Protein backbone atom coordinates (compact mmCIF):
# COMPACT_ATOMS: atom_id res chain seq x y z
CA UNK A 1 -16.09 38.39 40.86
CA UNK A 2 -17.90 38.02 37.53
CA UNK A 3 -17.45 34.53 36.05
CA UNK A 4 -15.62 34.19 32.75
CA UNK A 5 -16.26 31.94 29.76
CA UNK A 6 -12.92 31.22 28.12
CA UNK A 7 -13.12 30.00 24.52
CA UNK A 8 -10.46 27.60 23.27
CA UNK A 9 -8.65 28.34 20.04
CA UNK A 10 -8.71 26.48 17.77
CA UNK A 11 -12.04 24.74 18.27
CA UNK A 12 -14.77 23.21 16.15
CA UNK A 13 -14.64 22.36 12.46
CA UNK A 14 -11.39 21.15 10.92
CA UNK A 15 -10.58 21.21 7.21
CA UNK A 16 -11.47 17.53 6.72
CA UNK A 17 -14.93 18.02 8.23
CA UNK A 18 -15.56 21.19 6.23
CA UNK A 19 -14.64 19.34 3.04
CA UNK A 20 -16.85 16.34 3.84
CA UNK A 21 -19.91 18.49 4.52
CA UNK A 22 -19.24 20.57 1.42
CA UNK A 23 -19.08 17.38 -0.70
CA UNK A 24 -22.55 16.32 0.46
CA UNK A 25 -24.03 19.80 -0.06
CA UNK A 26 -22.45 20.16 -3.50
CA UNK A 27 -23.67 16.70 -4.58
CA UNK A 28 -27.20 17.58 -3.46
CA UNK A 29 -27.01 20.84 -5.40
CA UNK A 30 -25.58 19.26 -8.53
CA UNK A 31 -27.55 16.01 -8.71
CA UNK A 32 -30.53 16.63 -6.45
CA UNK A 33 -31.76 14.38 -3.66
CA UNK A 34 -31.56 11.68 -2.64
CA UNK A 35 -27.82 11.48 -2.13
CA UNK A 36 -26.80 8.37 -0.20
CA UNK A 37 -24.10 8.70 2.46
CA UNK A 38 -22.46 5.57 3.85
CA UNK A 39 -22.47 6.05 7.62
CA UNK A 40 -22.55 9.50 9.21
CA UNK A 41 -20.44 11.75 7.01
CA UNK A 42 -19.05 13.28 10.22
CA UNK A 43 -19.91 12.34 13.80
CA UNK A 44 -22.23 15.17 14.78
CA UNK A 45 -25.98 14.87 15.33
CA UNK A 46 -26.82 18.47 14.36
CA UNK A 47 -24.81 18.32 11.12
CA UNK A 48 -26.28 14.99 10.03
CA UNK A 49 -29.84 16.06 10.87
CA UNK A 50 -29.35 19.22 8.80
CA UNK A 51 -28.04 17.24 5.82
CA UNK A 52 -30.87 14.73 6.19
CA UNK A 53 -33.36 17.58 5.99
CA UNK A 54 -31.73 18.70 2.74
CA UNK A 55 -32.06 15.25 1.13
CA UNK A 56 -29.10 13.18 2.29
CA UNK A 57 -29.96 9.57 3.14
CA UNK A 58 -27.59 7.93 5.59
CA UNK A 59 -27.15 4.20 5.04
CA UNK A 60 -25.24 1.48 6.86
CA UNK A 61 -24.51 -0.72 3.86
CA UNK A 62 -24.20 -0.06 0.13
CA UNK A 63 -27.04 -2.44 -0.75
CA UNK A 64 -29.38 0.18 0.74
CA UNK A 65 -28.58 2.47 -2.21
CA UNK A 66 -30.27 1.75 -5.56
CA UNK A 67 -28.11 0.56 -8.50
CA UNK A 68 -26.59 3.60 -10.20
CA UNK A 69 -27.28 5.81 -7.18
CA UNK A 70 -24.92 8.51 -5.94
CA UNK A 71 -23.05 7.53 -2.78
CA UNK A 72 -20.66 9.50 -0.60
CA UNK A 73 -18.11 7.80 1.62
CA UNK A 74 -17.79 9.42 5.05
CA UNK A 75 -14.81 11.43 6.27
CA UNK A 76 -13.62 8.39 8.25
CA UNK A 77 -12.69 6.38 5.15
CA UNK A 78 -13.67 2.92 3.94
CA UNK A 79 -12.04 -0.43 3.30
CA UNK A 80 -10.97 -1.69 -0.10
CA UNK A 81 -13.84 -4.17 0.02
CA UNK A 82 -16.38 -1.33 0.26
CA UNK A 83 -14.82 0.42 -2.74
CA UNK A 84 -14.94 -2.81 -4.75
CA UNK A 85 -18.58 -3.37 -3.81
CA UNK A 86 -19.50 0.15 -4.91
CA UNK A 87 -17.86 -0.50 -8.28
CA UNK A 88 -19.68 -3.83 -8.69
CA UNK A 89 -23.00 -2.18 -7.94
CA UNK A 90 -22.39 0.59 -10.46
CA UNK A 91 -22.67 3.36 -7.89
CA UNK A 92 -21.49 6.89 -8.58
CA UNK A 93 -19.09 7.53 -5.71
CA UNK A 94 -17.73 10.73 -4.21
CA UNK A 95 -15.11 10.16 -1.57
CA UNK A 96 -15.27 12.47 1.47
CA UNK A 97 -12.47 10.60 3.27
CA UNK A 98 -10.30 13.14 5.07
CA UNK A 99 -6.99 13.47 3.19
CA UNK A 100 -5.16 12.86 6.46
CA UNK A 101 -6.93 9.50 6.81
CA UNK A 102 -6.09 8.74 3.17
CA UNK A 103 -2.46 9.41 4.08
CA UNK A 104 -2.65 6.60 6.65
CA UNK A 105 -4.22 4.29 4.05
CA UNK A 106 -1.33 5.02 1.70
CA UNK A 107 1.14 4.26 4.50
CA UNK A 108 -0.53 0.90 5.13
CA UNK A 109 -0.25 -0.02 1.46
CA UNK A 110 3.42 0.92 1.35
CA UNK A 111 4.23 -0.95 4.56
CA UNK A 112 2.45 -4.10 3.41
CA UNK A 113 4.28 -4.02 0.05
CA UNK A 114 7.49 -3.99 2.08
CA UNK A 115 6.20 -7.12 3.87
CA UNK A 116 5.77 -5.38 7.21
CA UNK A 117 3.22 -6.68 9.65
CA UNK A 118 1.30 -3.62 10.87
CA UNK A 119 0.11 -2.73 14.34
CA UNK A 120 -2.74 -0.23 14.25
CA UNK A 121 -3.29 1.86 17.37
CA UNK A 122 -6.95 2.80 17.61
CA UNK A 123 -10.42 2.10 18.99
CA UNK A 124 -12.16 -1.16 18.12
CA UNK A 125 -15.30 -0.59 16.05
CA UNK A 126 -14.57 3.00 15.04
CA UNK A 127 -15.27 3.49 11.30
CA UNK A 128 -11.83 5.00 10.71
CA UNK A 129 -10.20 1.93 12.24
CA UNK A 130 -12.39 -0.40 10.18
CA UNK A 131 -11.50 1.49 7.00
CA UNK A 132 -7.77 1.50 7.72
CA UNK A 133 -7.65 -2.14 8.80
CA UNK A 134 -9.52 -2.92 5.59
CA UNK A 135 -6.69 -1.62 3.43
CA UNK A 136 -5.06 -5.06 3.68
CA UNK A 137 -6.48 -8.59 3.60
CA UNK A 138 -4.01 -9.74 6.24
CA UNK A 139 -0.97 -8.75 8.25
CA UNK A 140 -2.64 -6.15 10.49
CA UNK A 141 -3.47 -6.26 14.19
CA UNK A 142 -5.24 -3.69 16.39
CA UNK A 143 -4.12 -2.51 19.83
CA UNK A 144 -5.93 0.01 22.02
CA UNK A 145 -3.88 0.18 25.22
CA UNK A 146 -0.45 -0.43 26.70
CA UNK A 147 -1.87 -3.65 28.19
CA UNK A 148 -2.73 -4.84 24.67
CA UNK A 149 0.91 -4.39 23.67
CA UNK A 150 2.06 -6.67 26.49
CA UNK A 151 -0.09 -9.53 25.19
CA UNK A 152 0.43 -8.85 21.48
CA UNK A 153 1.45 -11.82 19.34
CA UNK A 154 3.07 -11.17 15.96
CA UNK A 155 4.59 -13.37 13.28
CA UNK A 156 7.72 -11.34 12.53
CA UNK A 157 8.88 -9.22 15.49
CA UNK A 158 11.70 -7.71 13.44
CA UNK A 159 9.45 -6.81 10.52
CA UNK A 160 6.88 -4.64 12.29
CA UNK A 161 5.44 -1.17 11.60
CA UNK A 162 2.68 0.86 13.22
CA UNK A 163 0.05 3.43 12.24
CA UNK A 164 -2.50 5.25 14.39
CA UNK A 165 -6.08 6.42 14.21
CA UNK A 166 -5.97 10.16 13.48
CA UNK A 167 -8.26 11.21 16.36
CA UNK A 168 -6.59 9.56 19.35
CA UNK A 169 -5.47 11.23 22.53
CA UNK A 170 -1.94 12.39 21.72
CA UNK A 171 -0.74 11.47 25.21
CA UNK A 172 -2.37 8.02 25.23
CA UNK A 173 -1.03 7.21 21.76
CA UNK A 174 2.47 8.21 22.87
CA UNK A 175 2.31 5.72 25.74
CA UNK A 176 1.25 2.90 23.42
CA UNK A 177 3.95 3.79 20.88
CA UNK A 178 6.58 3.82 23.64
CA UNK A 179 5.40 0.39 24.83
CA UNK A 180 5.64 -0.93 21.26
CA UNK A 181 9.17 0.44 20.86
CA UNK A 182 10.27 -1.10 24.16
CA UNK A 183 8.90 -4.52 23.25
CA UNK A 184 9.81 -4.39 19.55
CA UNK A 185 12.93 -2.19 19.22
CA UNK A 186 12.98 -2.49 15.42
CA UNK A 187 9.38 -1.41 14.87
CA UNK A 188 8.99 1.32 12.25
CA UNK A 189 6.57 4.22 12.36
CA UNK A 190 5.29 6.68 9.76
CA UNK A 191 7.62 9.48 8.69
CA UNK A 192 5.11 11.97 10.06
CA UNK A 193 2.80 11.49 13.04
CA UNK A 194 -0.58 10.06 11.96
CA UNK A 195 -2.56 11.99 14.59
CA UNK A 196 -3.94 14.90 12.61
CA UNK A 197 -3.03 18.56 13.10
CA UNK A 198 -6.59 19.41 14.22
CA UNK A 199 -6.64 16.71 16.89
CA UNK A 200 -3.26 17.83 18.19
CA UNK A 201 -4.16 21.53 18.18
CA UNK A 202 -7.51 21.06 19.90
CA UNK A 203 -5.99 18.86 22.59
CA UNK A 204 -3.22 21.40 23.18
CA UNK A 205 -5.85 24.14 23.48
CA UNK A 206 -7.80 22.09 26.04
CA UNK A 207 -4.64 21.55 28.09
CA UNK A 208 -4.22 25.34 28.17
CA UNK A 209 -7.87 25.74 29.24
CA UNK A 210 -7.52 23.14 31.97
CA UNK A 211 -4.58 25.06 33.44
CA UNK A 212 -6.71 28.15 34.09
CA UNK A 213 -10.32 26.89 34.36
CA UNK A 214 -12.29 25.05 37.02
CA UNK A 215 -14.76 23.61 34.48
CA UNK A 216 -14.45 22.62 30.81
CA UNK A 217 -17.42 22.04 28.52
CA UNK A 218 -16.77 20.25 25.24
CA UNK A 219 -19.34 20.63 22.47
CA UNK A 220 -19.61 17.44 20.45
CA UNK A 221 -21.65 14.30 19.90
CA UNK A 222 -20.99 11.25 22.09
CA UNK A 223 -19.97 9.11 19.08
CA UNK A 224 -17.28 11.64 18.08
CA UNK A 225 -13.91 10.15 19.02
CA UNK A 226 -12.02 13.44 18.95
CA UNK A 227 -14.70 15.14 21.09
CA UNK A 228 -14.55 12.41 23.72
CA UNK A 229 -10.77 12.72 23.78
CA UNK A 230 -11.05 16.47 24.51
CA UNK A 231 -13.20 15.75 27.55
CA UNK A 232 -10.73 13.07 28.70
CA UNK A 233 -7.75 15.42 28.27
CA UNK A 234 -9.40 18.04 30.49
CA UNK A 235 -10.51 15.49 33.10
CA UNK A 236 -7.02 13.95 33.21
CA UNK A 237 -5.76 17.30 34.46
CA UNK A 238 -8.12 17.29 37.41
CA UNK A 239 -10.72 19.64 35.96
CA UNK A 240 -14.46 18.92 35.90
CA UNK A 241 -15.36 18.24 32.26
CA UNK A 242 -18.59 17.58 30.39
CA UNK A 243 -19.37 16.58 26.81
CA UNK A 244 -22.62 18.06 25.46
CA UNK A 245 -24.36 17.67 22.11
CA UNK A 246 -25.96 21.07 22.55
CA UNK A 247 -26.85 23.87 24.96
CA UNK A 248 -29.96 22.12 26.32
CA UNK A 249 -27.78 19.44 27.95
CA UNK A 250 -26.00 21.91 30.24
CA UNK A 251 -27.14 21.51 33.85
CA UNK A 252 -27.12 24.57 36.12
CA UNK A 253 -25.62 22.56 38.99
CA UNK A 254 -22.45 22.03 36.95
CA UNK A 255 -21.84 25.78 37.13
CA UNK A 256 -22.29 26.35 40.85
CA UNK A 257 -19.25 28.13 42.25
CA UNK A 258 -17.38 28.01 38.93
CA UNK A 259 -15.55 31.21 38.06
CA UNK A 260 -13.68 30.26 34.89
CA UNK A 261 -15.58 28.07 32.44
CA UNK A 262 -13.64 26.76 29.47
CA UNK A 263 -15.52 26.00 26.25
CA UNK A 264 -14.22 24.05 23.28
CA UNK A 265 -15.66 21.87 20.53
CA UNK A 266 -14.73 18.72 18.67
CA UNK A 267 -13.64 18.90 15.05
CA UNK A 268 -17.11 17.91 13.80
CA UNK A 269 -19.10 20.43 15.90
CA UNK A 270 -20.35 23.56 14.07
CA UNK A 271 -19.90 27.07 15.42
CA UNK A 272 -23.67 27.57 15.79
CA UNK A 273 -23.71 24.97 18.58
CA UNK A 274 -20.80 26.69 20.32
CA UNK A 275 -22.66 30.02 20.13
CA UNK A 276 -25.78 28.45 21.64
CA UNK A 277 -23.72 26.94 24.47
CA UNK A 278 -22.13 30.32 25.19
CA UNK A 279 -25.55 32.01 25.22
CA UNK A 280 -26.89 29.48 27.72
CA UNK A 281 -23.83 29.78 29.95
CA UNK A 282 -24.15 33.58 29.93
CA UNK A 283 -27.85 33.34 30.78
CA UNK A 284 -27.15 31.00 33.69
CA UNK A 285 -24.08 32.74 35.12
CA UNK A 286 -23.88 36.29 33.77
CA UNK A 287 -20.34 35.48 32.66
CA UNK A 288 -18.26 37.55 30.29
CA UNK A 289 -16.63 35.89 27.28
CA UNK A 290 -12.88 35.81 26.68
CA UNK A 291 -11.18 34.48 23.53
CA UNK A 292 -7.96 32.62 24.22
CA UNK A 293 -5.05 32.79 21.82
CA UNK A 294 -4.02 29.71 19.89
CA UNK A 295 -2.69 28.23 16.69
CA UNK A 296 -4.05 29.71 13.45
CA UNK A 297 -4.65 26.66 11.25
CA UNK A 298 -5.43 28.02 7.77
CA UNK A 299 -5.76 24.53 6.27
CA UNK A 300 -8.15 23.79 3.40
CA UNK A 301 -8.67 20.66 1.28
CA UNK A 302 -10.04 20.81 -2.30
CA UNK A 303 -13.30 19.20 -3.38
CA UNK A 304 -13.32 16.35 -5.92
CA UNK A 305 -12.95 17.79 -9.42
CA UNK A 306 -16.26 16.27 -10.55
CA UNK A 307 -18.10 18.44 -8.03
CA UNK A 308 -16.37 21.69 -8.90
CA UNK A 309 -17.94 24.06 -11.41
C-alpha cells in the first residue's frame, strides 16, 4: 500500500499573521530600512529571518530604537506601559497587534471599569499574556492550569471575570474555565470566546487528522504557542506527533511503517515551509498527497491607514 500524506485544512497563515507581516513589509517599502520591530512580529524563524534580510531590526526593548525611529509592535500586542514609553521617546509606531488580541484588550478595559477582578487564562511569559496583563495596573491574576484555579486567591469572589490567551488549546482552556465556574459560580466571561477562529479551526483540523493518521507532523517554530498546541492536540489522541521548524528536521525513522502521515502548520508558518516538508516526505516515503476538506476562513484584516496608498 502506497503511503499517503494528508494535508490539514485550514493550516498555516491566519489573517492576523498575514496582516502583521504585511505591515512590516509595507513600512520597509514606504520608509526604507531600518524598521524596528519590538519582539518577533510573529513566532516563526523563517519569517523573521526573511524580514531581517529585508531590513527589519528586531529589538527586545524600545530603548534599542533611536529617537524618532519607526517601530512596529508585534502581532501579540503590548502593554499600556510600552505604548506610553513609545510616545515619550517620540517613536513613529505602527501597531501589528492582531485585531482579535486587541478585542481581548478592550474586554479587559471594560471589565476593569466595571470593577471586576480579572482572571487571565494563559501561559506565563508569553508576549500576548504580558501585553494583556499590562492593560491594567492592578486587579488581574494569571492561571495556567486547573490546579492553579484550586489555589487561586482573589479579593472579590463575586466580582470576577475571565479572559483567555487567543492561542490556547481549546480543550485545555475549557477545563480551566469549567474549574473557574465551579469555584466561582458568579464569574463572568467574554460575550464571545477569546480563543481565535484560526486557533479553533486548526485544532479541529488536527483532531480530524489524528482520527485517520498514524503520524502527524506540525510545521512551526518551537516558540509558537499555537503550533505547540497543535502537536499536543494530536498527541493527546494517541498519535505520534512532531513539531518541526522545517523539512531538514524530519527524521526518516519517524516514518518507518507509517501509512497515513498528517501534515499541518501553525498560524505563523508560511506555505513554502509546508511545501518543503511535503517534498521531503515524498522523497523519503514515495507517498501520494491528499487534501482534506475543512473550514474556508476567508478572513482579512485591513492595514493601518497610514501605510495604505
